[in-house]
Amino acid sequence: MVYQLLRQGRLYFNGGGWSMTDEATTSYHAIIDHFTYSLRKINATFLECGRPLVTWQADVFGHTREFASLMAQMGFDAHFISPISYDDELARMRSKSLEFVWRGSDDLGPSTDIYTHKLFDGFWAPPGFCFGQFCHDPLIITSDKTFANVEERNARTFSKVRVMREMKGPNAETILPLIMLRQNIKYMITEI
């Protein structure tokens, strides 16, 4: 099923590593080995349709040009980050630069450029869409007409997207928010 969803373009891998690389505690060798092993495994399992196109770093202790440079050189198209310092975020909101092309290395030039986007709402799932052990949001039900709640849940999601667009619009060049369906420590034991 995963292979079918990948081929249809309905599922994408993000980053492709075993875990999100934390720049503050790793060396170049560790980052390169991490991605080399993981990307080879994905390619051997899912072929080219499984190749991740974007990376993300949410909840790391700082973002570096060197990491952006490595990601660009590995062929990723974009890099999503969060958090950044509060002062930097306010300045970027004023200058509409929450999205930017990050040059990872002046010496290596354009080969290290990567589109970078500061995640609008951090890495939190929209309200009502947390399904982990510490959450009490209702499941999305499609199988029973009496209890089906898909339309109401979709309406809630799109209302959140509208709010995000209105808040992001004056602060960025594009108005399409990336919505994370993830939360830190929320999906440890998810029951279906």
N, C-alpha and C. Protein backbone atom coordinates (compact mmCIF):
# COMPACT_ATOMS: atom_id res chain seq x y z
N MET A 1 0.82 -1.20 0.00
CA MET A 1 0.00 0.00 0.00
C MET A 1 0.87 1.26 0.00
N VAL A 2 1.95 1.26 0.79
CA VAL A 2 2.83 2.43 0.83
C VAL A 2 3.40 2.70 -0.54
N TYR A 3 3.85 1.65 -1.22
CA TYR A 3 4.42 1.82 -2.56
C TYR A 3 3.39 2.40 -3.51
N GLN A 4 2.16 1.94 -3.43
CA GLN A 4 1.09 2.45 -4.29
C GLN A 4 0.83 3.93 -4.01
N LEU A 5 0.77 4.32 -2.75
CA LEU A 5 0.55 5.73 -2.40
C LEU A 5 1.71 6.60 -2.87
N LEU A 6 2.94 6.10 -2.78
CA LEU A 6 4.10 6.85 -3.27
C LEU A 6 4.02 7.05 -4.78
N ARG A 7 3.71 5.99 -5.50
CA ARG A 7 3.62 6.07 -6.98
C ARG A 7 2.51 7.03 -7.42
N GLN A 8 1.44 7.10 -6.63
CA GLN A 8 0.32 7.99 -6.96
C GLN A 8 0.60 9.43 -6.55
N GLY A 9 1.68 9.68 -5.83
CA GLY A 9 1.98 11.03 -5.36
C GLY A 9 1.11 11.45 -4.19
N ARG A 10 0.54 10.49 -3.48
CA ARG A 10 -0.32 10.79 -2.34
C ARG A 10 0.42 10.68 -1.01
N LEU A 11 1.65 10.18 -1.05
CA LEU A 11 2.46 10.04 0.15
C LEU A 11 3.89 10.41 -0.23
N TYR A 12 4.53 11.19 0.63
CA TYR A 12 5.92 11.58 0.41
C TYR A 12 6.70 11.38 1.70
N PHE A 13 7.93 10.94 1.55
CA PHE A 13 8.82 10.88 2.71
C PHE A 13 9.45 12.24 2.91
N ASN A 14 9.68 12.58 4.15
CA ASN A 14 10.27 13.87 4.48
C ASN A 14 11.65 13.62 5.07
N GLY A 15 12.69 14.11 4.43
CA GLY A 15 14.04 13.95 4.93
C GLY A 15 14.65 12.61 4.60
N GLY A 16 14.03 11.57 5.05
CA GLY A 16 14.51 10.24 4.71
C GLY A 16 15.45 9.62 5.72
N GLY A 17 15.84 10.34 6.76
CA GLY A 17 16.74 9.77 7.76
C GLY A 17 15.97 8.93 8.77
N TRP A 18 16.71 8.20 9.59
CA TRP A 18 16.08 7.43 10.65
C TRP A 18 15.43 8.36 11.66
N SER A 19 16.03 9.53 11.81
CA SER A 19 15.49 10.54 12.71
C SER A 19 15.87 11.90 12.15
N MET A 20 15.33 12.94 12.75
CA MET A 20 15.68 14.29 12.33
C MET A 20 17.07 14.60 12.88
N THR A 21 17.95 15.06 12.02
CA THR A 21 19.30 15.38 12.44
C THR A 21 19.30 16.64 13.28
N ASP A 22 19.91 16.57 14.44
CA ASP A 22 20.05 17.74 15.30
C ASP A 22 21.44 18.31 15.07
N GLU A 23 21.49 19.49 14.48
CA GLU A 23 22.77 20.07 14.08
C GLU A 23 23.71 20.33 15.24
N ALA A 24 23.16 20.54 16.41
CA ALA A 24 24.01 20.94 17.54
C ALA A 24 24.88 19.80 18.06
N THR A 25 24.56 18.57 17.72
CA THR A 25 25.28 17.46 18.33
C THR A 25 25.89 16.50 17.32
N THR A 26 25.97 16.88 16.06
CA THR A 26 26.48 15.94 15.06
C THR A 26 27.63 16.54 14.28
N SER A 27 28.39 15.66 13.65
CA SER A 27 29.49 16.09 12.79
C SER A 27 29.06 15.90 11.33
N TYR A 28 29.86 16.44 10.41
CA TYR A 28 29.57 16.23 8.99
C TYR A 28 29.49 14.74 8.68
N HIS A 29 30.43 13.98 9.20
CA HIS A 29 30.46 12.55 8.90
C HIS A 29 29.20 11.86 9.38
N ALA A 30 28.73 12.20 10.57
CA ALA A 30 27.52 11.57 11.10
C ALA A 30 26.31 11.92 10.25
N ILE A 31 26.20 13.18 9.83
CA ILE A 31 25.05 13.59 9.00
C ILE A 31 25.10 12.88 7.65
N ILE A 32 26.25 12.86 7.02
CA ILE A 32 26.38 12.22 5.71
C ILE A 32 26.13 10.72 5.81
N ASP A 33 26.70 10.06 6.80
CA ASP A 33 26.46 8.62 6.98
C ASP A 33 24.99 8.33 7.24
N HIS A 34 24.37 9.15 8.08
CA HIS A 34 22.95 9.01 8.42
C HIS A 34 22.10 9.04 7.15
N PHE A 35 22.29 10.06 6.32
CA PHE A 35 21.49 10.19 5.10
C PHE A 35 21.88 9.16 4.05
N THR A 36 23.16 8.84 3.93
CA THR A 36 23.59 7.86 2.93
C THR A 36 22.91 6.52 3.19
N TYR A 37 22.99 6.04 4.41
CA TYR A 37 22.38 4.75 4.73
C TYR A 37 20.86 4.80 4.51
N SER A 38 20.22 5.82 5.04
CA SER A 38 18.76 5.90 5.00
C SER A 38 18.25 6.07 3.57
N LEU A 39 18.87 6.94 2.80
CA LEU A 39 18.39 7.17 1.43
C LEU A 39 18.63 5.95 0.55
N ARG A 40 19.73 5.24 0.78
CA ARG A 40 19.97 3.99 0.03
C ARG A 40 18.88 2.96 0.37
N LYS A 41 18.53 2.87 1.62
CA LYS A 41 17.49 1.93 2.05
C LYS A 41 16.14 2.27 1.41
N ILE A 42 15.79 3.56 1.42
CA ILE A 42 14.53 3.99 0.79
C ILE A 42 14.55 3.68 -0.70
N ASN A 43 15.67 3.97 -1.37
CA ASN A 43 15.77 3.72 -2.80
C ASN A 43 15.67 2.23 -3.12
N ALA A 44 16.32 1.40 -2.32
CA ALA A 44 16.26 -0.05 -2.55
C ALA A 44 14.86 -0.60 -2.32
N THR A 45 14.12 0.02 -1.42
CA THR A 45 12.78 -0.47 -1.08
C THR A 45 11.70 0.10 -2.00
N PHE A 46 11.77 1.40 -2.27
CA PHE A 46 10.67 2.06 -2.99
C PHE A 46 11.08 2.65 -4.34
N LEU A 47 12.34 2.48 -4.73
CA LEU A 47 12.86 3.01 -5.99
C LEU A 47 12.77 4.54 -6.01
N GLU A 48 12.83 5.12 -7.18
CA GLU A 48 12.91 6.59 -7.31
C GLU A 48 11.67 7.30 -6.76
N CYS A 49 10.49 6.66 -6.83
CA CYS A 49 9.27 7.34 -6.37
C CYS A 49 9.29 7.58 -4.85
N GLY A 50 10.17 6.93 -4.12
CA GLY A 50 10.25 7.13 -2.68
C GLY A 50 11.26 8.19 -2.27
N ARG A 51 11.98 8.76 -3.24
CA ARG A 51 13.03 9.73 -2.91
C ARG A 51 12.44 10.98 -2.25
N PRO A 52 12.88 11.30 -1.04
CA PRO A 52 12.40 12.52 -0.38
C PRO A 52 12.89 13.77 -1.12
N LEU A 53 12.03 14.77 -1.21
CA LEU A 53 12.39 16.02 -1.89
C LEU A 53 12.64 17.16 -0.91
N VAL A 54 12.16 17.01 0.32
CA VAL A 54 12.32 18.08 1.30
C VAL A 54 12.85 17.51 2.62
N THR A 55 13.46 18.39 3.40
CA THR A 55 13.90 18.03 4.74
C THR A 55 13.22 18.97 5.73
N TRP A 56 13.26 18.60 6.96
CA TRP A 56 12.74 19.52 7.97
C TRP A 56 13.53 19.36 9.25
N GLN A 57 13.53 20.43 10.00
CA GLN A 57 14.15 20.42 11.32
C GLN A 57 13.27 21.24 12.24
N ALA A 58 12.52 20.55 13.02
CA ALA A 58 11.67 21.21 14.00
C ALA A 58 12.17 20.80 15.38
N ASP A 59 12.32 21.76 16.23
CA ASP A 59 12.74 21.50 17.60
C ASP A 59 14.21 21.13 17.70
N VAL A 60 15.04 21.78 16.90
CA VAL A 60 16.49 21.60 17.04
C VAL A 60 17.06 22.82 17.74
N PHE A 61 18.29 22.72 18.14
CA PHE A 61 18.92 23.81 18.89
C PHE A 61 19.80 24.65 17.96
N GLY A 62 19.17 25.29 17.00
CA GLY A 62 19.87 26.15 16.06
C GLY A 62 19.92 25.53 14.67
N HIS A 63 19.99 26.39 13.68
CA HIS A 63 20.06 25.99 12.27
C HIS A 63 21.36 26.56 11.69
N THR A 64 22.06 25.77 10.90
CA THR A 64 23.34 26.22 10.38
C THR A 64 23.38 26.22 8.86
N ARG A 65 24.20 27.10 8.33
CA ARG A 65 24.42 27.16 6.88
C ARG A 65 25.02 25.85 6.38
N GLU A 66 25.85 25.25 7.19
CA GLU A 66 26.50 24.01 6.77
C GLU A 66 25.48 22.90 6.52
N PHE A 67 24.46 22.83 7.38
CA PHE A 67 23.44 21.80 7.19
C PHE A 67 22.64 22.11 5.93
N ALA A 68 22.29 23.36 5.73
CA ALA A 68 21.57 23.76 4.51
C ALA A 68 22.40 23.41 3.28
N SER A 69 23.70 23.66 3.35
CA SER A 69 24.60 23.33 2.25
C SER A 69 24.60 21.83 1.95
N LEU A 70 24.70 21.02 2.99
CA LEU A 70 24.70 19.56 2.80
C LEU A 70 23.38 19.09 2.17
N MET A 71 22.26 19.62 2.65
CA MET A 71 20.96 19.20 2.12
C MET A 71 20.83 19.57 0.64
N ALA A 72 21.27 20.77 0.28
CA ALA A 72 21.22 21.19 -1.13
C ALA A 72 22.11 20.29 -1.99
N GLN A 73 23.30 19.99 -1.49
CA GLN A 73 24.22 19.14 -2.25
C GLN A 73 23.74 17.70 -2.36
N MET A 74 22.89 17.27 -1.43
CA MET A 74 22.31 15.93 -1.51
C MET A 74 21.11 15.89 -2.44
N GLY A 75 20.71 17.04 -2.98
CA GLY A 75 19.64 17.07 -3.97
C GLY A 75 18.26 17.38 -3.45
N PHE A 76 18.14 17.81 -2.20
CA PHE A 76 16.83 18.19 -1.68
C PHE A 76 16.41 19.53 -2.27
N ASP A 77 15.10 19.70 -2.48
CA ASP A 77 14.56 20.93 -3.07
C ASP A 77 14.26 22.00 -2.03
N ALA A 78 13.89 21.58 -0.82
CA ALA A 78 13.45 22.55 0.18
C ALA A 78 13.79 22.06 1.58
N HIS A 79 13.79 23.02 2.49
CA HIS A 79 14.15 22.75 3.88
C HIS A 79 13.18 23.54 4.76
N PHE A 80 12.48 22.85 5.66
CA PHE A 80 11.51 23.49 6.55
C PHE A 80 12.10 23.51 7.95
N ILE A 81 12.04 24.68 8.59
CA ILE A 81 12.68 24.84 9.90
C ILE A 81 11.72 25.44 10.92
N SER A 82 11.99 25.14 12.19
CA SER A 82 11.30 25.72 13.32
C SER A 82 11.97 25.16 14.55
N PRO A 83 12.12 25.88 15.61
CA PRO A 83 11.88 27.31 15.73
C PRO A 83 13.11 28.10 15.31
N ILE A 84 12.92 29.42 15.26
CA ILE A 84 14.04 30.34 15.12
C ILE A 84 13.91 31.32 16.28
N SER A 85 14.92 32.13 16.49
CA SER A 85 14.84 33.04 17.63
C SER A 85 13.66 34.00 17.44
N TYR A 86 13.07 34.39 18.54
CA TYR A 86 11.90 35.26 18.50
C TYR A 86 12.19 36.57 17.78
N ASP A 87 13.36 37.18 18.07
CA ASP A 87 13.72 38.44 17.41
C ASP A 87 13.88 38.25 15.91
N ASP A 88 14.50 37.15 15.51
CA ASP A 88 14.69 36.86 14.09
C ASP A 88 13.34 36.63 13.41
N GLU A 89 12.45 35.91 14.09
CA GLU A 89 11.13 35.66 13.50
C GLU A 89 10.35 36.96 13.31
N LEU A 90 10.37 37.85 14.30
CA LEU A 90 9.68 39.14 14.15
C LEU A 90 10.27 39.95 13.01
N ALA A 91 11.59 39.98 12.92
CA ALA A 91 12.25 40.72 11.83
C ALA A 91 11.88 40.12 10.48
N ARG A 92 11.85 38.81 10.39
CA ARG A 92 11.50 38.15 9.13
C ARG A 92 10.02 38.36 8.79
N MET A 93 9.17 38.42 9.79
CA MET A 93 7.76 38.71 9.52
C MET A 93 7.61 40.11 8.94
N ARG A 94 8.32 41.07 9.52
CA ARG A 94 8.24 42.46 9.02
C ARG A 94 8.77 42.58 7.59
N SER A 95 9.82 41.84 7.28
CA SER A 95 10.43 41.94 5.95
C SER A 95 9.89 40.90 4.96
N LYS A 96 8.86 40.16 5.37
CA LYS A 96 8.26 39.10 4.55
C LYS A 96 9.32 38.11 4.07
N SER A 97 10.16 37.69 4.98
CA SER A 97 11.22 36.75 4.59
C SER A 97 11.22 35.49 5.45
N LEU A 98 10.02 35.02 5.79
CA LEU A 98 9.92 33.72 6.47
C LEU A 98 10.23 32.60 5.49
N GLU A 99 10.21 32.91 4.21
CA GLU A 99 10.62 31.99 3.15
C GLU A 99 11.76 32.65 2.41
N PHE A 100 12.81 31.89 2.16
CA PHE A 100 13.98 32.48 1.52
C PHE A 100 14.83 31.39 0.89
N VAL A 101 15.68 31.79 -0.03
CA VAL A 101 16.66 30.86 -0.59
C VAL A 101 17.91 31.02 0.25
N TRP A 102 18.30 29.94 0.89
CA TRP A 102 19.43 29.96 1.81
C TRP A 102 20.67 29.49 1.05
N ARG A 103 21.66 30.33 0.98
CA ARG A 103 22.94 29.93 0.38
C ARG A 103 23.77 29.30 1.48
N GLY A 104 23.99 28.01 1.37
CA GLY A 104 24.71 27.28 2.41
C GLY A 104 26.19 27.59 2.46
N SER A 105 26.78 27.94 1.31
CA SER A 105 28.21 28.22 1.27
C SER A 105 28.52 29.27 0.21
N ASP A 106 29.16 30.34 0.63
CA ASP A 106 29.57 31.36 -0.34
C ASP A 106 30.64 30.80 -1.27
N ASP A 107 31.50 29.95 -0.76
CA ASP A 107 32.58 29.38 -1.58
C ASP A 107 32.05 28.44 -2.66
N LEU A 108 31.06 27.61 -2.32
CA LEU A 108 30.51 26.65 -3.28
C LEU A 108 29.42 27.25 -4.15
N GLY A 109 28.87 28.38 -3.75
CA GLY A 109 27.91 29.13 -4.56
C GLY A 109 26.55 28.48 -4.70
N PRO A 110 25.90 28.67 -5.88
CA PRO A 110 24.51 28.25 -6.09
C PRO A 110 24.23 26.76 -5.88
N SER A 111 25.24 25.92 -5.95
CA SER A 111 24.99 24.49 -5.74
C SER A 111 24.56 24.21 -4.30
N THR A 112 24.71 25.19 -3.42
CA THR A 112 24.30 25.01 -2.02
C THR A 112 23.05 25.81 -1.68
N ASP A 113 22.39 26.37 -2.68
CA ASP A 113 21.14 27.11 -2.44
C ASP A 113 20.00 26.13 -2.18
N ILE A 114 19.19 26.43 -1.18
CA ILE A 114 18.02 25.61 -0.89
C ILE A 114 16.89 26.51 -0.42
N TYR A 115 15.70 26.29 -0.98
CA TYR A 115 14.51 27.03 -0.55
C TYR A 115 14.24 26.65 0.90
N THR A 116 14.09 27.65 1.75
CA THR A 116 13.89 27.42 3.18
C THR A 116 12.62 28.14 3.64
N HIS A 117 11.87 27.48 4.47
CA HIS A 117 10.58 28.00 4.94
C HIS A 117 10.51 27.80 6.45
N LYS A 118 10.24 28.87 7.17
CA LYS A 118 10.04 28.78 8.61
C LYS A 118 8.60 28.33 8.84
N LEU A 119 8.41 27.18 9.48
CA LEU A 119 7.07 26.65 9.70
C LEU A 119 6.22 27.66 10.46
N PHE A 120 5.05 27.94 9.94
CA PHE A 120 4.19 28.99 10.49
C PHE A 120 3.75 28.71 11.91
N ASP A 121 3.28 27.51 12.15
CA ASP A 121 2.68 27.19 13.44
C ASP A 121 3.55 26.21 14.21
N GLY A 122 4.87 26.33 14.03
CA GLY A 122 5.75 25.38 14.66
C GLY A 122 5.51 24.00 14.08
N PHE A 123 5.46 23.00 14.90
CA PHE A 123 5.21 21.66 14.40
C PHE A 123 4.01 21.04 15.10
N TRP A 124 3.00 21.84 15.34
CA TRP A 124 1.81 21.37 16.03
C TRP A 124 0.71 21.02 15.04
N ALA A 125 -0.01 19.96 15.33
CA ALA A 125 -1.16 19.60 14.51
C ALA A 125 -2.26 20.63 14.72
N PRO A 126 -3.12 20.83 13.71
CA PRO A 126 -4.25 21.75 13.90
C PRO A 126 -5.14 21.28 15.04
N PRO A 127 -5.80 22.20 15.74
CA PRO A 127 -6.69 21.81 16.84
C PRO A 127 -7.71 20.78 16.37
N GLY A 128 -7.89 19.75 17.17
CA GLY A 128 -8.86 18.72 16.83
C GLY A 128 -8.28 17.55 16.06
N PHE A 129 -6.96 17.58 15.75
CA PHE A 129 -6.36 16.53 14.95
C PHE A 129 -5.19 15.86 15.64
N CYS A 130 -5.27 15.75 16.93
CA CYS A 130 -4.24 15.05 17.70
C CYS A 130 -4.83 13.71 18.12
N PHE A 131 -4.17 12.61 17.73
CA PHE A 131 -4.73 11.29 17.98
C PHE A 131 -3.85 10.41 18.86
N GLY A 132 -2.94 10.99 19.59
CA GLY A 132 -2.02 10.22 20.42
C GLY A 132 -2.58 9.92 21.80
N GLN A 133 -1.74 9.31 22.62
CA GLN A 133 -2.20 8.87 23.94
C GLN A 133 -2.55 10.01 24.87
N PHE A 134 -1.99 11.20 24.66
CA PHE A 134 -2.26 12.33 25.56
C PHE A 134 -3.35 13.25 25.01
N CYS A 135 -4.00 12.84 23.94
CA CYS A 135 -5.01 13.69 23.29
C CYS A 135 -6.40 13.12 23.50
N HIS A 136 -7.37 13.98 23.37
CA HIS A 136 -8.75 13.56 23.52
C HIS A 136 -9.60 13.99 22.33
N ASP A 137 -8.95 14.28 21.20
CA ASP A 137 -9.69 14.68 20.01
C ASP A 137 -10.40 13.47 19.43
N PRO A 138 -11.61 13.66 18.90
CA PRO A 138 -12.34 12.52 18.34
C PRO A 138 -11.68 12.02 17.06
N LEU A 139 -11.78 10.71 16.83
CA LEU A 139 -11.26 10.13 15.60
C LEU A 139 -12.10 10.59 14.43
N ILE A 140 -11.53 10.51 13.24
CA ILE A 140 -12.28 10.81 12.03
C ILE A 140 -12.98 9.52 11.61
N ILE A 141 -14.31 9.57 11.53
CA ILE A 141 -15.10 8.37 11.26
C ILE A 141 -15.73 8.48 9.89
N THR A 142 -15.47 7.47 9.05
CA THR A 142 -16.06 7.44 7.72
C THR A 142 -16.91 6.20 7.51
N SER A 143 -16.74 5.19 8.34
CA SER A 143 -17.35 3.89 8.08
C SER A 143 -18.80 3.77 8.56
N ASP A 144 -19.25 4.66 9.38
CA ASP A 144 -20.59 4.55 9.95
C ASP A 144 -21.34 5.84 9.67
N LYS A 145 -22.43 5.77 8.89
CA LYS A 145 -23.16 6.98 8.49
C LYS A 145 -23.74 7.72 9.68
N THR A 146 -24.10 7.00 10.72
CA THR A 146 -24.68 7.65 11.89
C THR A 146 -23.66 8.53 12.61
N PHE A 147 -22.43 8.07 12.70
CA PHE A 147 -21.42 8.79 13.45
C PHE A 147 -20.38 9.49 12.56
N ALA A 148 -20.57 9.45 11.26
CA ALA A 148 -19.59 10.05 10.34
C ALA A 148 -19.39 11.53 10.67
N ASN A 149 -18.15 11.94 10.72
CA ASN A 149 -17.84 13.33 11.07
C ASN A 149 -16.82 13.95 10.10
N VAL A 150 -16.66 13.36 8.94
CA VAL A 150 -15.64 13.82 8.01
C VAL A 150 -15.91 15.26 7.56
N GLU A 151 -17.15 15.58 7.22
CA GLU A 151 -17.45 16.93 6.74
C GLU A 151 -17.17 17.98 7.81
N GLU A 152 -17.57 17.70 9.04
CA GLU A 152 -17.32 18.65 10.13
C GLU A 152 -15.83 18.80 10.38
N ARG A 153 -15.08 17.71 10.34
CA ARG A 153 -13.64 17.76 10.57
C ARG A 153 -12.94 18.51 9.44
N ASN A 154 -13.37 18.28 8.18
CA ASN A 154 -12.81 19.02 7.05
C ASN A 154 -13.09 20.51 7.18
N ALA A 155 -14.29 20.86 7.57
CA ALA A 155 -14.64 22.28 7.74
C ALA A 155 -13.75 22.91 8.80
N ARG A 156 -13.49 22.19 9.88
CA ARG A 156 -12.63 22.72 10.94
C ARG A 156 -11.20 22.92 10.42
N THR A 157 -10.72 21.96 9.63
CA THR A 157 -9.37 22.07 9.08
C THR A 157 -9.26 23.28 8.16
N PHE A 158 -10.22 23.43 7.24
CA PHE A 158 -10.15 24.54 6.29
C PHE A 158 -10.34 25.88 6.98
N SER A 159 -11.08 25.91 8.07
CA SER A 159 -11.20 27.16 8.83
C SER A 159 -9.85 27.51 9.44
N LYS A 160 -9.11 26.51 9.92
CA LYS A 160 -7.76 26.74 10.46
C LYS A 160 -6.82 27.23 9.35
N VAL A 161 -6.93 26.64 8.16
CA VAL A 161 -6.09 27.07 7.03
C VAL A 161 -6.39 28.52 6.68
N ARG A 162 -7.67 28.91 6.69
CA ARG A 162 -8.02 30.31 6.38
C ARG A 162 -7.40 31.26 7.41
N VAL A 163 -7.47 30.90 8.68
CA VAL A 163 -6.86 31.74 9.73
C VAL A 163 -5.36 31.83 9.51
N MET A 164 -4.72 30.69 9.21
CA MET A 164 -3.27 30.70 8.98
C MET A 164 -2.91 31.56 7.78
N ARG A 165 -3.71 31.49 6.72
CA ARG A 165 -3.43 32.31 5.53
C ARG A 165 -3.56 33.79 5.85
N GLU A 166 -4.59 34.14 6.63
CA GLU A 166 -4.78 35.55 6.99
C GLU A 166 -3.64 36.05 7.85
N MET A 167 -3.16 35.21 8.78
CA MET A 167 -2.07 35.63 9.65
C MET A 167 -0.74 35.63 8.92
N LYS A 168 -0.55 34.66 8.02
CA LYS A 168 0.72 34.55 7.32
C LYS A 168 0.80 35.55 6.17
N GLY A 169 -0.32 35.79 5.50
CA GLY A 169 -0.35 36.63 4.31
C GLY A 169 0.47 37.89 4.37
N PRO A 170 0.29 38.73 5.41
CA PRO A 170 1.07 39.96 5.47
C PRO A 170 2.54 39.73 5.82
N ASN A 171 2.90 38.52 6.22
CA ASN A 171 4.25 38.26 6.71
C ASN A 171 5.11 37.40 5.80
N ALA A 172 4.59 37.02 4.63
CA ALA A 172 5.36 36.16 3.73
C ALA A 172 4.97 36.45 2.30
N GLU A 173 5.83 36.04 1.39
CA GLU A 173 5.56 36.24 -0.03
C GLU A 173 4.46 35.31 -0.53
N THR A 174 4.41 34.09 -0.03
CA THR A 174 3.35 33.17 -0.41
C THR A 174 2.37 33.06 0.74
N ILE A 175 1.15 32.66 0.41
CA ILE A 175 0.13 32.58 1.46
C ILE A 175 -0.32 31.15 1.72
N LEU A 176 0.38 30.18 1.16
CA LEU A 176 -0.01 28.79 1.37
C LEU A 176 0.73 28.23 2.57
N PRO A 177 0.02 27.97 3.66
CA PRO A 177 0.70 27.44 4.85
C PRO A 177 0.93 25.94 4.72
N LEU A 178 2.03 25.47 5.26
CA LEU A 178 2.28 24.05 5.40
C LEU A 178 1.69 23.63 6.74
N ILE A 179 0.79 22.68 6.72
CA ILE A 179 0.13 22.25 7.94
C ILE A 179 0.76 20.94 8.40
N MET A 180 1.30 20.95 9.58
CA MET A 180 1.93 19.77 10.13
C MET A 180 0.87 18.94 10.86
N LEU A 181 0.82 17.67 10.55
CA LEU A 181 -0.06 16.76 11.29
C LEU A 181 0.81 15.93 12.22
N ARG A 182 1.49 16.62 13.09
CA ARG A 182 2.43 16.01 14.00
C ARG A 182 2.46 16.85 15.26
N GLN A 183 2.81 16.25 16.36
CA GLN A 183 3.04 16.98 17.58
C GLN A 183 4.09 16.28 18.39
N ASN A 184 4.92 17.05 19.03
CA ASN A 184 5.98 16.50 19.84
C ASN A 184 5.41 15.65 20.97
N ILE A 185 5.80 14.42 21.03
CA ILE A 185 5.44 13.45 22.06
C ILE A 185 3.95 13.08 22.03
N LYS A 186 3.22 13.47 21.04
CA LYS A 186 1.78 13.19 21.03
C LYS A 186 1.45 11.85 20.40
N TYR A 187 2.29 11.30 19.55
CA TYR A 187 1.94 10.07 18.85
C TYR A 187 2.75 8.89 19.34
N MET A 188 3.05 8.85 20.62
CA MET A 188 3.85 7.75 21.17
C MET A 188 3.08 6.44 21.13
N ILE A 189 1.85 6.44 21.58
CA ILE A 189 1.02 5.25 21.56
C ILE A 189 -0.32 5.67 20.96
N THR A 190 -0.44 5.49 19.66
CA THR A 190 -1.64 5.90 18.97
C THR A 190 -2.50 4.66 18.74
N GLU A 191 -3.71 4.71 19.22
CA GLU A 191 -4.61 3.58 19.04
C GLU A 191 -5.60 3.88 17.95
N ILE A 192 -5.90 2.87 17.16
CA ILE A 192 -6.85 3.03 16.06
C ILE A 192 -8.10 2.26 16.39
